[in-house]
Amino acid sequence: LLEAAVSQLPGDAAENRRILSTAIVLAVLEQHFAAERSMWSAVTRKSKSWLAKTAKDRSLFLGGIPIAQWAADVVKYNVRVA
């Protein structure tokens, strides 16, 4: 899933992998660990800022939707946390 998405984005594959991986990790935290937000919110602040700026600067979309929303959907439909 990740590699298929990476290949759809323009530019450097390694950078695209970092972008998508970051978006997915942030979505996992938001969706599955919201109750522990106080433990991770400060740590993720820089990542959220970097992701938002990078996605905006590069106009990154997958399937016509913004990267953060794409990641949220991937997590919603594909990630289960026990």
N, C-alpha and C. Protein backbone atom coordinates (compact mmCIF):
# COMPACT_ATOMS: atom_id res chain seq x y z
N LEU A 1 0.83 -1.19 0.00
CA LEU A 1 0.00 0.00 0.00
C LEU A 1 0.88 1.27 0.00
N LEU A 2 1.86 1.30 0.89
CA LEU A 2 2.74 2.46 0.97
C LEU A 2 3.53 2.64 -0.31
N GLU A 3 4.13 1.57 -0.80
CA GLU A 3 4.95 1.69 -2.01
C GLU A 3 4.12 2.06 -3.24
N ALA A 4 2.90 1.57 -3.30
CA ALA A 4 2.03 1.95 -4.42
C ALA A 4 1.73 3.44 -4.36
N ALA A 5 1.51 3.96 -3.17
CA ALA A 5 1.24 5.39 -3.01
C ALA A 5 2.49 6.21 -3.31
N VAL A 6 3.64 5.76 -2.84
CA VAL A 6 4.90 6.46 -3.10
C VAL A 6 5.12 6.63 -4.59
N SER A 7 4.83 5.58 -5.35
CA SER A 7 5.07 5.62 -6.79
C SER A 7 4.13 6.58 -7.52
N GLN A 8 3.04 6.97 -6.88
CA GLN A 8 2.09 7.90 -7.51
C GLN A 8 2.47 9.36 -7.32
N LEU A 9 3.40 9.62 -6.42
CA LEU A 9 3.78 11.00 -6.14
C LEU A 9 4.99 11.42 -6.97
N PRO A 10 5.03 12.67 -7.39
CA PRO A 10 6.19 13.15 -8.14
C PRO A 10 7.37 13.37 -7.21
N GLY A 11 8.55 13.29 -7.76
CA GLY A 11 9.75 13.61 -6.98
C GLY A 11 10.44 12.38 -6.41
N ASP A 12 11.29 12.64 -5.44
CA ASP A 12 12.15 11.63 -4.84
C ASP A 12 11.34 10.59 -4.05
N ALA A 13 11.55 9.32 -4.36
CA ALA A 13 10.80 8.25 -3.71
C ALA A 13 11.10 8.18 -2.21
N ALA A 14 12.34 8.37 -1.81
CA ALA A 14 12.69 8.31 -0.38
C ALA A 14 11.99 9.42 0.39
N GLU A 15 11.95 10.62 -0.17
CA GLU A 15 11.27 11.74 0.47
C GLU A 15 9.76 11.48 0.53
N ASN A 16 9.21 10.95 -0.55
CA ASN A 16 7.78 10.64 -0.56
C ASN A 16 7.43 9.58 0.48
N ARG A 17 8.32 8.60 0.66
CA ARG A 17 8.12 7.56 1.66
C ARG A 17 8.11 8.17 3.06
N ARG A 18 9.03 9.11 3.32
CA ARG A 18 9.06 9.80 4.62
C ARG A 18 7.78 10.59 4.86
N ILE A 19 7.33 11.26 3.83
CA ILE A 19 6.10 12.06 3.94
C ILE A 19 4.91 11.17 4.27
N LEU A 20 4.73 10.11 3.50
CA LEU A 20 3.59 9.23 3.71
C LEU A 20 3.68 8.48 5.03
N SER A 21 4.86 8.04 5.39
CA SER A 21 5.05 7.34 6.67
C SER A 21 4.71 8.26 7.84
N THR A 22 5.16 9.49 7.75
CA THR A 22 4.86 10.46 8.81
C THR A 22 3.36 10.68 8.91
N ALA A 23 2.71 10.85 7.78
CA ALA A 23 1.26 11.07 7.78
C ALA A 23 0.52 9.87 8.38
N ILE A 24 0.96 8.68 8.09
CA ILE A 24 0.32 7.48 8.62
C ILE A 24 0.53 7.36 10.12
N VAL A 25 1.74 7.60 10.59
CA VAL A 25 2.02 7.53 12.03
C VAL A 25 1.18 8.56 12.78
N LEU A 26 1.11 9.76 12.27
CA LEU A 26 0.29 10.79 12.92
C LEU A 26 -1.18 10.39 12.94
N ALA A 27 -1.66 9.80 11.86
CA ALA A 27 -3.06 9.35 11.81
C ALA A 27 -3.31 8.21 12.81
N VAL A 28 -2.36 7.30 12.96
CA VAL A 28 -2.50 6.22 13.94
C VAL A 28 -2.62 6.81 15.34
N LEU A 29 -1.75 7.75 15.65
CA LEU A 29 -1.81 8.38 16.97
C LEU A 29 -3.15 9.07 17.20
N GLU A 30 -3.59 9.83 16.21
CA GLU A 30 -4.87 10.55 16.33
C GLU A 30 -6.05 9.60 16.50
N GLN A 31 -6.07 8.54 15.72
CA GLN A 31 -7.24 7.66 15.71
C GLN A 31 -7.24 6.60 16.80
N HIS A 32 -6.06 6.09 17.13
CA HIS A 32 -6.01 4.96 18.05
C HIS A 32 -5.47 5.30 19.44
N PHE A 33 -4.86 6.45 19.57
CA PHE A 33 -4.26 6.81 20.86
C PHE A 33 -4.66 8.22 21.28
N ALA A 34 -5.83 8.64 20.90
CA ALA A 34 -6.31 9.98 21.25
C ALA A 34 -6.41 10.17 22.77
N ALA A 35 -6.75 9.12 23.47
CA ALA A 35 -6.88 9.22 24.93
C ALA A 35 -5.53 9.52 25.60
N GLU A 36 -4.45 9.20 24.93
CA GLU A 36 -3.10 9.44 25.46
C GLU A 36 -2.44 10.66 24.81
N ARG A 37 -3.24 11.52 24.24
CA ARG A 37 -2.72 12.69 23.51
C ARG A 37 -1.69 13.48 24.32
N SER A 38 -1.91 13.61 25.60
CA SER A 38 -0.98 14.39 26.42
C SER A 38 0.43 13.78 26.42
N MET A 39 0.52 12.50 26.13
CA MET A 39 1.82 11.83 26.11
C MET A 39 2.57 12.07 24.80
N TRP A 40 1.86 12.28 23.70
CA TRP A 40 2.54 12.36 22.41
C TRP A 40 2.36 13.67 21.67
N SER A 41 1.48 14.54 22.09
CA SER A 41 1.20 15.74 21.30
C SER A 41 2.41 16.66 21.15
N ALA A 42 3.15 16.87 22.21
CA ALA A 42 4.32 17.75 22.11
C ALA A 42 5.39 17.15 21.21
N VAL A 43 5.54 15.85 21.26
CA VAL A 43 6.55 15.17 20.46
C VAL A 43 6.22 15.24 18.97
N THR A 44 4.96 15.26 18.64
CA THR A 44 4.55 15.24 17.23
C THR A 44 4.37 16.63 16.62
N ARG A 45 4.48 17.66 17.43
CA ARG A 45 4.24 19.02 16.93
C ARG A 45 5.13 19.36 15.73
N LYS A 46 6.41 19.06 15.83
CA LYS A 46 7.34 19.36 14.74
C LYS A 46 6.99 18.54 13.49
N SER A 47 6.64 17.29 13.68
CA SER A 47 6.28 16.42 12.55
C SER A 47 5.03 16.93 11.84
N LYS A 48 4.04 17.35 12.62
CA LYS A 48 2.80 17.89 12.02
C LYS A 48 3.09 19.14 11.21
N SER A 49 3.91 20.01 11.77
CA SER A 49 4.25 21.25 11.08
C SER A 49 5.02 20.96 9.80
N TRP A 50 6.00 20.07 9.87
CA TRP A 50 6.80 19.71 8.69
C TRP A 50 5.90 19.09 7.62
N LEU A 51 5.02 18.20 8.02
CA LEU A 51 4.14 17.53 7.06
C LEU A 51 3.21 18.54 6.38
N ALA A 52 2.61 19.41 7.15
CA ALA A 52 1.69 20.40 6.58
C ALA A 52 2.41 21.31 5.59
N LYS A 53 3.60 21.77 5.96
CA LYS A 53 4.36 22.66 5.07
C LYS A 53 4.81 21.93 3.81
N THR A 54 5.32 20.73 3.98
CA THR A 54 5.81 19.96 2.84
C THR A 54 4.69 19.62 1.88
N ALA A 55 3.57 19.17 2.41
CA ALA A 55 2.43 18.81 1.56
C ALA A 55 1.91 20.04 0.82
N LYS A 56 1.87 21.17 1.50
CA LYS A 56 1.39 22.41 0.86
C LYS A 56 2.37 22.89 -0.20
N ASP A 57 3.65 22.93 0.15
CA ASP A 57 4.68 23.40 -0.79
C ASP A 57 4.74 22.55 -2.06
N ARG A 58 4.52 21.26 -1.91
CA ARG A 58 4.61 20.36 -3.06
C ARG A 58 3.25 20.02 -3.65
N SER A 59 2.18 20.58 -3.10
CA SER A 59 0.81 20.30 -3.58
C SER A 59 0.57 18.79 -3.71
N LEU A 60 0.79 18.08 -2.61
CA LEU A 60 0.69 16.62 -2.63
C LEU A 60 -0.72 16.12 -2.37
N PHE A 61 -1.19 15.34 -3.33
CA PHE A 61 -2.50 14.72 -3.24
C PHE A 61 -2.39 13.28 -3.73
N LEU A 62 -3.19 12.41 -3.16
CA LEU A 62 -3.30 11.03 -3.64
C LEU A 62 -4.77 10.74 -3.88
N GLY A 63 -5.09 10.29 -5.07
CA GLY A 63 -6.49 10.05 -5.40
C GLY A 63 -7.34 11.30 -5.29
N GLY A 64 -6.71 12.45 -5.49
CA GLY A 64 -7.42 13.72 -5.44
C GLY A 64 -7.65 14.28 -4.04
N ILE A 65 -7.13 13.60 -3.02
CA ILE A 65 -7.32 14.10 -1.66
C ILE A 65 -5.97 14.44 -1.03
N PRO A 66 -5.96 15.37 -0.09
CA PRO A 66 -4.71 15.74 0.58
C PRO A 66 -4.07 14.54 1.29
N ILE A 67 -2.75 14.58 1.41
CA ILE A 67 -1.99 13.49 2.00
C ILE A 67 -2.50 13.13 3.41
N ALA A 68 -2.74 14.13 4.25
CA ALA A 68 -3.19 13.84 5.62
C ALA A 68 -4.53 13.10 5.63
N GLN A 69 -5.44 13.49 4.75
CA GLN A 69 -6.72 12.79 4.66
C GLN A 69 -6.54 11.39 4.10
N TRP A 70 -5.66 11.25 3.11
CA TRP A 70 -5.37 9.92 2.56
C TRP A 70 -4.87 9.01 3.67
N ALA A 71 -3.93 9.51 4.48
CA ALA A 71 -3.37 8.71 5.58
C ALA A 71 -4.45 8.36 6.60
N ALA A 72 -5.31 9.32 6.93
CA ALA A 72 -6.40 9.05 7.88
C ALA A 72 -7.31 7.94 7.36
N ASP A 73 -7.59 7.96 6.08
CA ASP A 73 -8.43 6.91 5.48
C ASP A 73 -7.71 5.56 5.49
N VAL A 74 -6.42 5.56 5.19
CA VAL A 74 -5.64 4.31 5.22
C VAL A 74 -5.70 3.70 6.61
N VAL A 75 -5.49 4.52 7.61
CA VAL A 75 -5.51 4.03 8.99
C VAL A 75 -6.91 3.56 9.37
N LYS A 76 -7.90 4.34 9.04
CA LYS A 76 -9.28 4.00 9.38
C LYS A 76 -9.69 2.63 8.84
N TYR A 77 -9.31 2.33 7.62
CA TYR A 77 -9.76 1.10 6.97
C TYR A 77 -8.75 -0.05 7.00
N ASN A 78 -7.51 0.21 7.44
CA ASN A 78 -6.50 -0.84 7.36
C ASN A 78 -5.71 -1.11 8.63
N VAL A 79 -5.82 -0.27 9.64
CA VAL A 79 -4.99 -0.45 10.83
C VAL A 79 -5.87 -0.81 12.03
N ARG A 80 -5.51 -1.89 12.66
CA ARG A 80 -6.18 -2.32 13.90
C ARG A 80 -5.12 -2.36 14.99
N VAL A 81 -5.45 -1.80 16.13
CA VAL A 81 -4.53 -1.80 17.26
C VAL A 81 -5.17 -2.62 18.38
N ALA A 82 -4.45 -3.60 18.85
CA ALA A 82 -5.00 -4.46 19.90
C ALA A 82 -4.74 -3.88 21.28
